[in-house]
Amino acid sequence: MNFTEIALQRQSCRAYQAERTVEKEKLDRILETARLAPSACNGQPYHITVCMGESAKRIAKEVQGMGMNKFASDAPVMLVISEKPYVKTAAFGAKVKGNDYRSIDIGILSAYITAEAAAQGLGTCILGWFDDKKIREICNLDSAVRLVITLGYPKEGDKLREKKRKSLDELTDILE
């Protein structure tokens, strides 16, 4: 698949085959692709905690507050993305320019993870609704959780939905 095909194929998966595990080779490939994601000053100010089995079930409970994300219980893998300190050069740039490079870097990381997962025939959903404190306890983390990504095989018959996006005219300007 080329990148455009991956972008067309990738969608937020909300129905997983709970009984089907993700092969180690596919998970390793996703994590290696994540390792290669660009970041400010190559600082990689994040950490990925891979939760499977019982730990995935515990994380799933913590993304389901107020009836949200019920599908997460069926995802066999939960990737917890936590924030880490900047490297000195990125910290300096963030302070001088008033830009939150960590959030940008975590967004890029998530794009790499979800794109590689799609290329491997897996589904993902990026979650921002979770109990930070409880997930930190489960994962033994000392820094803020920023995202949780569900990962697994989509249920049979999970149809590719039409992409609802802004038009290029709404989204872009070209200046010469």
N, C-alpha and C. Protein backbone atom coordinates (compact mmCIF):
# COMPACT_ATOMS: atom_id res chain seq x y z
N MET A 1 0.84 -1.19 0.00
CA MET A 1 0.00 0.00 0.00
C MET A 1 0.87 1.24 0.00
N ASN A 2 0.51 2.23 -0.81
CA ASN A 2 1.21 3.50 -0.72
C ASN A 2 0.54 4.34 0.37
N PHE A 3 1.12 5.50 0.69
CA PHE A 3 0.63 6.27 1.82
C PHE A 3 -0.79 6.77 1.63
N THR A 4 -1.14 7.19 0.43
CA THR A 4 -2.51 7.64 0.18
C THR A 4 -3.50 6.51 0.40
N GLU A 5 -3.15 5.31 -0.03
CA GLU A 5 -4.03 4.15 0.19
C GLU A 5 -4.19 3.87 1.69
N ILE A 6 -3.10 4.01 2.44
CA ILE A 6 -3.17 3.83 3.90
C ILE A 6 -4.09 4.89 4.50
N ALA A 7 -3.94 6.14 4.08
CA ALA A 7 -4.77 7.23 4.60
C ALA A 7 -6.25 7.00 4.28
N LEU A 8 -6.53 6.47 3.11
CA LEU A 8 -7.92 6.18 2.74
C LEU A 8 -8.47 4.99 3.53
N GLN A 9 -7.64 4.03 3.86
CA GLN A 9 -8.04 2.81 4.56
C GLN A 9 -8.21 3.04 6.06
N ARG A 10 -7.38 3.87 6.66
CA ARG A 10 -7.36 4.05 8.11
C ARG A 10 -8.61 4.80 8.57
N GLN A 11 -9.23 4.27 9.62
CA GLN A 11 -10.36 4.94 10.24
C GLN A 11 -10.37 4.57 11.72
N SER A 12 -11.13 5.29 12.51
CA SER A 12 -11.27 4.97 13.92
C SER A 12 -12.11 3.71 14.06
N CYS A 13 -11.47 2.66 14.56
CA CYS A 13 -12.13 1.37 14.71
C CYS A 13 -12.87 1.34 16.05
N ARG A 14 -14.14 0.99 16.00
CA ARG A 14 -14.94 0.91 17.21
C ARG A 14 -15.61 -0.45 17.38
N ALA A 15 -15.03 -1.45 16.73
CA ALA A 15 -15.53 -2.83 16.86
C ALA A 15 -14.35 -3.77 16.56
N TYR A 16 -13.87 -4.43 17.62
CA TYR A 16 -12.70 -5.31 17.50
C TYR A 16 -13.06 -6.77 17.67
N GLN A 17 -12.23 -7.64 17.10
CA GLN A 17 -12.31 -9.07 17.34
C GLN A 17 -11.57 -9.35 18.65
N ALA A 18 -12.30 -9.40 19.75
CA ALA A 18 -11.70 -9.52 21.07
C ALA A 18 -10.85 -10.78 21.23
N GLU A 19 -11.25 -11.84 20.57
CA GLU A 19 -10.56 -13.12 20.73
C GLU A 19 -9.30 -13.24 19.87
N ARG A 20 -9.08 -12.31 18.98
CA ARG A 20 -7.93 -12.39 18.06
C ARG A 20 -6.79 -11.49 18.55
N THR A 21 -5.68 -12.11 18.85
CA THR A 21 -4.53 -11.36 19.33
C THR A 21 -3.76 -10.74 18.17
N VAL A 22 -3.00 -9.71 18.48
CA VAL A 22 -2.14 -9.07 17.49
C VAL A 22 -0.79 -9.80 17.53
N GLU A 23 -0.35 -10.24 16.36
CA GLU A 23 0.90 -10.97 16.27
C GLU A 23 2.07 -10.10 16.71
N LYS A 24 3.03 -10.72 17.38
CA LYS A 24 4.21 -10.01 17.87
C LYS A 24 4.94 -9.28 16.73
N GLU A 25 5.03 -9.93 15.57
CA GLU A 25 5.74 -9.31 14.44
C GLU A 25 5.06 -8.01 14.01
N LYS A 26 3.74 -8.00 14.00
CA LYS A 26 3.01 -6.78 13.61
C LYS A 26 3.16 -5.70 14.67
N LEU A 27 3.06 -6.07 15.92
CA LEU A 27 3.25 -5.10 17.00
C LEU A 27 4.67 -4.54 16.98
N ASP A 28 5.65 -5.40 16.78
CA ASP A 28 7.05 -4.93 16.69
C ASP A 28 7.24 -3.96 15.54
N ARG A 29 6.60 -4.24 14.42
CA ARG A 29 6.71 -3.35 13.25
C ARG A 29 6.09 -1.99 13.54
N ILE A 30 4.94 -1.98 14.20
CA ILE A 30 4.28 -0.72 14.58
C ILE A 30 5.17 0.07 15.53
N LEU A 31 5.75 -0.59 16.51
CA LEU A 31 6.61 0.10 17.48
C LEU A 31 7.90 0.61 16.83
N GLU A 32 8.44 -0.14 15.90
CA GLU A 32 9.64 0.32 15.20
C GLU A 32 9.31 1.54 14.34
N THR A 33 8.16 1.52 13.68
CA THR A 33 7.74 2.69 12.90
C THR A 33 7.55 3.88 13.82
N ALA A 34 6.97 3.66 14.99
CA ALA A 34 6.79 4.74 15.98
C ALA A 34 8.15 5.30 16.39
N ARG A 35 9.13 4.43 16.57
CA ARG A 35 10.47 4.87 16.96
C ARG A 35 11.08 5.80 15.92
N LEU A 36 10.69 5.63 14.67
CA LEU A 36 11.24 6.42 13.57
C LEU A 36 10.51 7.75 13.36
N ALA A 37 9.42 7.98 14.09
CA ALA A 37 8.63 9.21 13.91
C ALA A 37 9.49 10.44 14.22
N PRO A 38 9.36 11.48 13.42
CA PRO A 38 10.13 12.70 13.69
C PRO A 38 9.60 13.42 14.93
N SER A 39 10.49 14.13 15.60
CA SER A 39 10.12 14.93 16.76
C SER A 39 11.07 16.12 16.86
N ALA A 40 10.65 17.15 17.57
CA ALA A 40 11.47 18.36 17.72
C ALA A 40 12.84 17.99 18.29
N CYS A 41 13.88 18.39 17.61
CA CYS A 41 15.27 18.12 18.01
C CYS A 41 15.52 16.63 18.24
N ASN A 42 14.74 15.79 17.57
CA ASN A 42 14.83 14.33 17.74
C ASN A 42 14.74 13.91 19.20
N GLY A 43 14.00 14.69 20.00
CA GLY A 43 13.94 14.46 21.43
C GLY A 43 13.00 13.36 21.89
N GLN A 44 12.02 13.01 21.08
CA GLN A 44 11.04 11.98 21.41
C GLN A 44 10.54 12.12 22.85
N PRO A 45 9.82 13.21 23.15
CA PRO A 45 9.38 13.48 24.52
C PRO A 45 8.13 12.71 24.93
N TYR A 46 8.19 11.40 24.78
CA TYR A 46 7.04 10.55 25.06
C TYR A 46 7.52 9.15 25.37
N HIS A 47 6.60 8.37 25.91
CA HIS A 47 6.88 6.97 26.19
C HIS A 47 5.63 6.18 25.80
N ILE A 48 5.83 5.00 25.25
CA ILE A 48 4.72 4.13 24.85
C ILE A 48 4.70 2.94 25.79
N THR A 49 3.61 2.75 26.49
CA THR A 49 3.42 1.57 27.34
C THR A 49 2.43 0.66 26.62
N VAL A 50 2.88 -0.52 26.27
CA VAL A 50 2.05 -1.50 25.56
C VAL A 50 1.34 -2.36 26.59
N CYS A 51 0.01 -2.31 26.56
CA CYS A 51 -0.79 -3.08 27.51
C CYS A 51 -1.56 -4.16 26.75
N MET A 52 -1.39 -5.40 27.21
CA MET A 52 -2.09 -6.54 26.61
C MET A 52 -2.68 -7.37 27.75
N GLY A 53 -3.53 -8.30 27.39
CA GLY A 53 -4.10 -9.20 28.40
C GLY A 53 -4.84 -8.43 29.49
N GLU A 54 -4.56 -8.80 30.72
CA GLU A 54 -5.26 -8.19 31.87
C GLU A 54 -4.99 -6.69 31.97
N SER A 55 -3.78 -6.26 31.65
CA SER A 55 -3.49 -4.82 31.73
C SER A 55 -4.29 -4.04 30.69
N ALA A 56 -4.51 -4.61 29.51
CA ALA A 56 -5.34 -3.94 28.50
C ALA A 56 -6.77 -3.81 29.00
N LYS A 57 -7.28 -4.84 29.66
CA LYS A 57 -8.64 -4.78 30.20
C LYS A 57 -8.75 -3.71 31.28
N ARG A 58 -7.71 -3.58 32.10
CA ARG A 58 -7.72 -2.56 33.14
C ARG A 58 -7.68 -1.15 32.54
N ILE A 59 -6.89 -0.98 31.49
CA ILE A 59 -6.83 0.32 30.82
C ILE A 59 -8.17 0.61 30.15
N ALA A 60 -8.76 -0.39 29.53
CA ALA A 60 -10.05 -0.20 28.85
C ALA A 60 -11.09 0.35 29.82
N LYS A 61 -11.10 -0.14 31.05
CA LYS A 61 -12.06 0.38 32.04
C LYS A 61 -11.85 1.87 32.29
N GLU A 62 -10.60 2.33 32.19
CA GLU A 62 -10.28 3.72 32.52
C GLU A 62 -10.49 4.69 31.35
N VAL A 63 -10.88 4.17 30.20
CA VAL A 63 -11.22 5.05 29.06
C VAL A 63 -12.73 5.08 28.84
N GLN A 64 -13.48 4.44 29.74
CA GLN A 64 -14.92 4.27 29.53
C GLN A 64 -15.78 5.10 30.47
N GLY A 65 -15.24 6.11 31.10
CA GLY A 65 -16.04 6.93 31.99
C GLY A 65 -17.23 7.56 31.28
N MET A 66 -18.34 7.67 32.02
CA MET A 66 -19.56 8.30 31.52
C MET A 66 -20.09 7.64 30.24
N GLY A 67 -19.84 6.33 30.12
CA GLY A 67 -20.39 5.58 28.99
C GLY A 67 -19.62 5.71 27.69
N MET A 68 -18.47 6.35 27.74
CA MET A 68 -17.67 6.53 26.52
C MET A 68 -16.87 5.27 26.19
N ASN A 69 -16.51 5.13 24.93
CA ASN A 69 -15.52 4.15 24.43
C ASN A 69 -15.80 2.71 24.87
N LYS A 70 -17.05 2.29 24.85
CA LYS A 70 -17.39 0.93 25.28
C LYS A 70 -16.66 -0.13 24.47
N PHE A 71 -16.38 0.16 23.22
CA PHE A 71 -15.69 -0.77 22.33
C PHE A 71 -14.29 -1.12 22.79
N ALA A 72 -13.70 -0.27 23.64
CA ALA A 72 -12.31 -0.48 24.07
C ALA A 72 -12.12 -1.81 24.79
N SER A 73 -13.16 -2.31 25.42
CA SER A 73 -13.07 -3.60 26.13
C SER A 73 -12.68 -4.74 25.22
N ASP A 74 -12.97 -4.62 23.93
CA ASP A 74 -12.66 -5.69 22.98
C ASP A 74 -11.30 -5.54 22.30
N ALA A 75 -10.64 -4.40 22.49
CA ALA A 75 -9.33 -4.20 21.87
C ALA A 75 -8.28 -5.02 22.62
N PRO A 76 -7.57 -5.90 21.94
CA PRO A 76 -6.59 -6.73 22.64
C PRO A 76 -5.32 -6.00 23.07
N VAL A 77 -5.07 -4.84 22.47
CA VAL A 77 -3.88 -4.06 22.82
C VAL A 77 -4.29 -2.61 23.05
N MET A 78 -3.73 -2.03 24.10
CA MET A 78 -3.92 -0.61 24.39
C MET A 78 -2.51 0.00 24.46
N LEU A 79 -2.30 1.04 23.68
CA LEU A 79 -1.02 1.75 23.70
C LEU A 79 -1.23 3.04 24.48
N VAL A 80 -0.55 3.16 25.61
CA VAL A 80 -0.66 4.34 26.46
C VAL A 80 0.52 5.25 26.13
N ILE A 81 0.21 6.46 25.67
CA ILE A 81 1.24 7.43 25.30
C ILE A 81 1.34 8.45 26.42
N SER A 82 2.48 8.48 27.08
CA SER A 82 2.69 9.44 28.15
C SER A 82 3.77 10.44 27.76
N GLU A 83 3.70 11.57 28.42
CA GLU A 83 4.60 12.69 28.13
C GLU A 83 5.90 12.52 28.91
N LYS A 84 6.99 12.87 28.29
CA LYS A 84 8.30 12.88 28.93
C LYS A 84 8.90 14.28 28.77
N PRO A 85 9.93 14.59 29.52
CA PRO A 85 10.53 15.93 29.41
C PRO A 85 11.15 16.17 28.03
N TYR A 86 11.19 17.45 27.70
CA TYR A 86 11.89 17.88 26.49
C TYR A 86 13.38 17.61 26.62
N VAL A 87 14.07 17.45 25.48
CA VAL A 87 15.52 17.59 25.48
C VAL A 87 15.80 19.08 25.61
N LYS A 88 16.98 19.47 26.01
CA LYS A 88 17.27 20.88 26.32
C LYS A 88 17.01 21.82 25.15
N THR A 89 17.40 21.42 23.95
CA THR A 89 17.21 22.31 22.81
C THR A 89 15.74 22.52 22.49
N ALA A 90 14.93 21.48 22.58
CA ALA A 90 13.49 21.61 22.34
C ALA A 90 12.83 22.42 23.45
N ALA A 91 13.29 22.23 24.68
CA ALA A 91 12.75 23.01 25.81
C ALA A 91 13.02 24.49 25.60
N PHE A 92 14.22 24.81 25.15
CA PHE A 92 14.57 26.20 24.88
C PHE A 92 13.68 26.77 23.77
N GLY A 93 13.56 26.03 22.67
CA GLY A 93 12.73 26.47 21.55
C GLY A 93 11.27 26.65 21.95
N ALA A 94 10.75 25.73 22.75
CA ALA A 94 9.36 25.82 23.20
C ALA A 94 9.15 27.08 24.04
N LYS A 95 10.12 27.38 24.89
CA LYS A 95 10.00 28.56 25.76
C LYS A 95 10.11 29.85 24.94
N VAL A 96 11.09 29.92 24.07
CA VAL A 96 11.32 31.13 23.28
C VAL A 96 10.17 31.38 22.30
N LYS A 97 9.70 30.33 21.65
CA LYS A 97 8.68 30.48 20.62
C LYS A 97 7.25 30.26 21.14
N GLY A 98 7.11 29.84 22.39
CA GLY A 98 5.78 29.64 22.94
C GLY A 98 5.00 28.55 22.23
N ASN A 99 5.70 27.51 21.82
CA ASN A 99 5.07 26.43 21.07
C ASN A 99 5.16 25.14 21.87
N ASP A 100 4.10 24.37 21.91
CA ASP A 100 4.04 23.11 22.65
C ASP A 100 4.52 21.97 21.74
N TYR A 101 5.82 21.81 21.63
CA TYR A 101 6.37 20.80 20.74
C TYR A 101 6.02 19.38 21.17
N ARG A 102 5.88 19.14 22.47
CA ARG A 102 5.54 17.78 22.92
C ARG A 102 4.21 17.33 22.34
N SER A 103 3.21 18.19 22.40
CA SER A 103 1.90 17.81 21.85
C SER A 103 1.98 17.55 20.35
N ILE A 104 2.75 18.36 19.66
CA ILE A 104 2.94 18.16 18.23
C ILE A 104 3.62 16.82 17.99
N ASP A 105 4.68 16.56 18.74
CA ASP A 105 5.42 15.31 18.58
C ASP A 105 4.56 14.08 18.88
N ILE A 106 3.72 14.17 19.91
CA ILE A 106 2.83 13.06 20.25
C ILE A 106 1.79 12.86 19.15
N GLY A 107 1.34 13.94 18.53
CA GLY A 107 0.42 13.83 17.39
C GLY A 107 1.08 13.13 16.21
N ILE A 108 2.32 13.50 15.93
CA ILE A 108 3.05 12.85 14.83
C ILE A 108 3.25 11.37 15.15
N LEU A 109 3.66 11.06 16.37
CA LEU A 109 3.85 9.68 16.80
C LEU A 109 2.57 8.87 16.58
N SER A 110 1.44 9.44 16.98
CA SER A 110 0.16 8.75 16.84
C SER A 110 -0.19 8.51 15.37
N ALA A 111 0.13 9.48 14.53
CA ALA A 111 -0.12 9.31 13.10
C ALA A 111 0.72 8.16 12.55
N TYR A 112 1.97 8.07 12.95
CA TYR A 112 2.83 6.97 12.50
C TYR A 112 2.29 5.62 12.98
N ILE A 113 1.89 5.56 14.25
CA ILE A 113 1.36 4.31 14.81
C ILE A 113 0.12 3.88 14.06
N THR A 114 -0.83 4.78 13.88
CA THR A 114 -2.09 4.41 13.24
C THR A 114 -1.92 4.09 11.76
N ALA A 115 -1.01 4.77 11.09
CA ALA A 115 -0.76 4.47 9.68
C ALA A 115 -0.12 3.10 9.51
N GLU A 116 0.87 2.80 10.32
CA GLU A 116 1.52 1.48 10.22
C GLU A 116 0.54 0.38 10.60
N ALA A 117 -0.29 0.62 11.60
CA ALA A 117 -1.29 -0.39 11.97
C ALA A 117 -2.23 -0.66 10.80
N ALA A 118 -2.67 0.38 10.12
CA ALA A 118 -3.53 0.21 8.95
C ALA A 118 -2.81 -0.59 7.86
N ALA A 119 -1.55 -0.30 7.66
CA ALA A 119 -0.77 -1.04 6.67
C ALA A 119 -0.64 -2.52 7.04
N GLN A 120 -0.73 -2.82 8.33
CA GLN A 120 -0.64 -4.21 8.81
C GLN A 120 -2.01 -4.89 8.89
N GLY A 121 -3.06 -4.18 8.44
CA GLY A 121 -4.40 -4.75 8.46
C GLY A 121 -5.09 -4.67 9.81
N LEU A 122 -4.60 -3.78 10.67
CA LEU A 122 -5.15 -3.63 12.02
C LEU A 122 -5.95 -2.34 12.13
N GLY A 123 -6.83 -2.30 13.10
CA GLY A 123 -7.62 -1.11 13.38
C GLY A 123 -7.09 -0.40 14.61
N THR A 124 -7.33 0.89 14.67
CA THR A 124 -6.92 1.71 15.81
C THR A 124 -7.99 2.76 16.09
N CYS A 125 -7.96 3.27 17.30
CA CYS A 125 -8.75 4.44 17.64
C CYS A 125 -7.96 5.24 18.67
N ILE A 126 -7.77 6.51 18.41
CA ILE A 126 -7.02 7.40 19.30
C ILE A 126 -8.02 7.98 20.31
N LEU A 127 -7.75 7.76 21.58
CA LEU A 127 -8.66 8.18 22.64
C LEU A 127 -8.04 9.28 23.49
N GLY A 128 -8.82 10.31 23.73
CA GLY A 128 -8.40 11.38 24.61
C GLY A 128 -9.24 11.45 25.88
N TRP A 129 -10.20 10.54 26.01
CA TRP A 129 -11.10 10.48 27.16
C TRP A 129 -10.63 9.33 28.05
N PHE A 130 -10.06 9.65 29.20
CA PHE A 130 -9.53 8.62 30.10
C PHE A 130 -9.26 9.21 31.47
N ASP A 131 -9.05 8.32 32.43
CA ASP A 131 -8.70 8.71 33.79
C ASP A 131 -7.17 8.66 33.93
N ASP A 132 -6.56 9.82 33.80
CA ASP A 132 -5.09 9.92 33.83
C ASP A 132 -4.50 9.31 35.09
N LYS A 133 -5.04 9.65 36.22
CA LYS A 133 -4.48 9.18 37.50
C LYS A 133 -4.50 7.66 37.59
N LYS A 134 -5.62 7.05 37.24
CA LYS A 134 -5.73 5.59 37.34
C LYS A 134 -4.84 4.88 36.32
N ILE A 135 -4.75 5.45 35.13
CA ILE A 135 -3.87 4.82 34.12
C ILE A 135 -2.42 4.95 34.54
N ARG A 136 -2.05 6.08 35.11
CA ARG A 136 -0.67 6.21 35.63
C ARG A 136 -0.38 5.13 36.66
N GLU A 137 -1.34 4.87 37.54
CA GLU A 137 -1.15 3.83 38.57
C GLU A 137 -0.99 2.46 37.93
N ILE A 138 -1.86 2.13 36.99
CA ILE A 138 -1.82 0.83 36.33
C ILE A 138 -0.49 0.62 35.61
N CYS A 139 -0.02 1.66 34.93
CA CYS A 139 1.20 1.56 34.12
C CYS A 139 2.47 1.97 34.86
N ASN A 140 2.31 2.37 36.12
CA ASN A 140 3.46 2.82 36.92
C ASN A 140 4.20 3.97 36.23
N LEU A 141 3.42 4.98 35.84
CA LEU A 141 3.97 6.14 35.13
C LEU A 141 4.10 7.33 36.07
N ASP A 142 5.15 8.10 35.87
CA ASP A 142 5.35 9.29 36.68
C ASP A 142 5.06 10.58 35.92
N SER A 143 4.53 10.46 34.72
CA SER A 143 4.20 11.65 33.92
C SER A 143 2.84 11.49 33.27
N ALA A 144 2.31 12.61 32.81
CA ALA A 144 0.95 12.67 32.29
C ALA A 144 0.73 11.75 31.09
N VAL A 145 -0.42 11.09 31.11
CA VAL A 145 -0.88 10.31 29.96
C VAL A 145 -1.52 11.31 29.01
N ARG A 146 -1.17 11.26 27.75
CA ARG A 146 -1.73 12.19 26.76
C ARG A 146 -2.72 11.55 25.82
N LEU A 147 -2.50 10.29 25.47
CA LEU A 147 -3.42 9.57 24.58
C LEU A 147 -3.38 8.09 24.91
N VAL A 148 -4.46 7.41 24.57
CA VAL A 148 -4.50 5.95 24.58
C VAL A 148 -4.96 5.54 23.19
N ILE A 149 -4.27 4.58 22.60
CA ILE A 149 -4.64 4.09 21.27
C ILE A 149 -5.05 2.63 21.39
N THR A 150 -6.30 2.34 20.99
CA THR A 150 -6.74 0.95 20.93
C THR A 150 -6.17 0.32 19.66
N LEU A 151 -5.88 -0.97 19.73
CA LEU A 151 -5.25 -1.66 18.60
C LEU A 151 -5.74 -3.10 18.54
N GLY A 152 -6.14 -3.52 17.36
CA GLY A 152 -6.57 -4.90 17.17
C GLY A 152 -7.14 -5.10 15.78
N TYR A 153 -7.66 -6.28 15.57
CA TYR A 153 -8.30 -6.58 14.28
C TYR A 153 -9.74 -6.11 14.31
N PRO A 154 -10.15 -5.35 13.28
CA PRO A 154 -11.57 -4.95 13.21
C PRO A 154 -12.46 -6.18 13.09
N LYS A 155 -13.67 -6.08 13.63
CA LYS A 155 -14.64 -7.17 13.48
C LYS A 155 -14.92 -7.40 12.01
N GLU A 156 -15.21 -8.65 11.67
CA GLU A 156 -15.60 -8.99 10.30
C GLU A 156 -16.80 -8.13 9.91
N GLY A 157 -16.78 -7.63 8.71
CA GLY A 157 -17.89 -6.82 8.23
C GLY A 157 -17.82 -5.36 8.64
N ASP A 158 -16.76 -4.98 9.35
CA ASP A 158 -16.60 -3.57 9.73
C ASP A 158 -16.28 -2.79 8.45
N LYS A 159 -17.27 -2.11 7.94
CA LYS A 159 -17.15 -1.46 6.64
C LYS A 159 -16.35 -0.17 6.72
N LEU A 160 -15.64 0.10 5.65
CA LEU A 160 -14.92 1.36 5.52
C LEU A 160 -15.95 2.46 5.35
N ARG A 161 -15.90 3.44 6.24
CA ARG A 161 -16.86 4.54 6.19
C ARG A 161 -16.35 5.64 5.26
N GLU A 162 -17.30 6.38 4.72
CA GLU A 162 -16.94 7.52 3.88
C GLU A 162 -16.22 8.55 4.73
N LYS A 163 -15.13 9.07 4.22
CA LYS A 163 -14.37 10.11 4.93
C LYS A 163 -15.12 11.43 4.83
N LYS A 164 -15.46 12.00 5.96
CA LYS A 164 -16.11 13.31 5.99
C LYS A 164 -15.05 14.32 6.39
N ARG A 165 -14.59 15.05 5.42
CA ARG A 165 -13.53 16.02 5.64
C ARG A 165 -13.89 17.34 4.96
N LYS A 166 -13.24 18.40 5.38
CA LYS A 166 -13.41 19.69 4.71
C LYS A 166 -12.88 19.57 3.28
N SER A 167 -13.39 20.41 2.40
CA SER A 167 -12.87 20.43 1.03
C SER A 167 -11.50 21.08 1.05
N LEU A 168 -10.72 20.84 0.01
CA LEU A 168 -9.41 21.48 -0.09
C LEU A 168 -9.53 23.00 -0.10
N ASP A 169 -10.58 23.52 -0.71
CA ASP A 169 -10.79 24.98 -0.73
C ASP A 169 -10.97 25.53 0.68
N GLU A 170 -11.69 24.81 1.53
CA GLU A 170 -11.90 25.25 2.90
C GLU A 170 -10.63 25.09 3.75
N LEU A 171 -9.84 24.13 3.40
CA LEU A 171 -8.71 23.73 4.23
C LEU A 171 -7.40 24.42 3.86
N THR A 172 -7.29 24.89 2.63
CA THR A 172 -5.98 25.38 2.17
C THR A 172 -6.09 26.73 1.46
N ASP A 173 -4.97 27.41 1.48
CA ASP A 173 -4.72 28.59 0.63
C ASP A 173 -3.38 28.38 -0.01
N ILE A 174 -3.25 28.79 -1.25
CA ILE A 174 -1.97 28.72 -1.95
C ILE A 174 -1.55 30.13 -2.27
N LEU A 175 -0.38 30.49 -1.77
CA LEU A 175 0.16 31.83 -2.00
C LEU A 175 1.37 31.74 -2.92
N GLU A 176 1.49 32.71 -3.82
CA GLU A 176 2.65 32.73 -4.71
C GLU A 176 3.37 34.04 -4.58
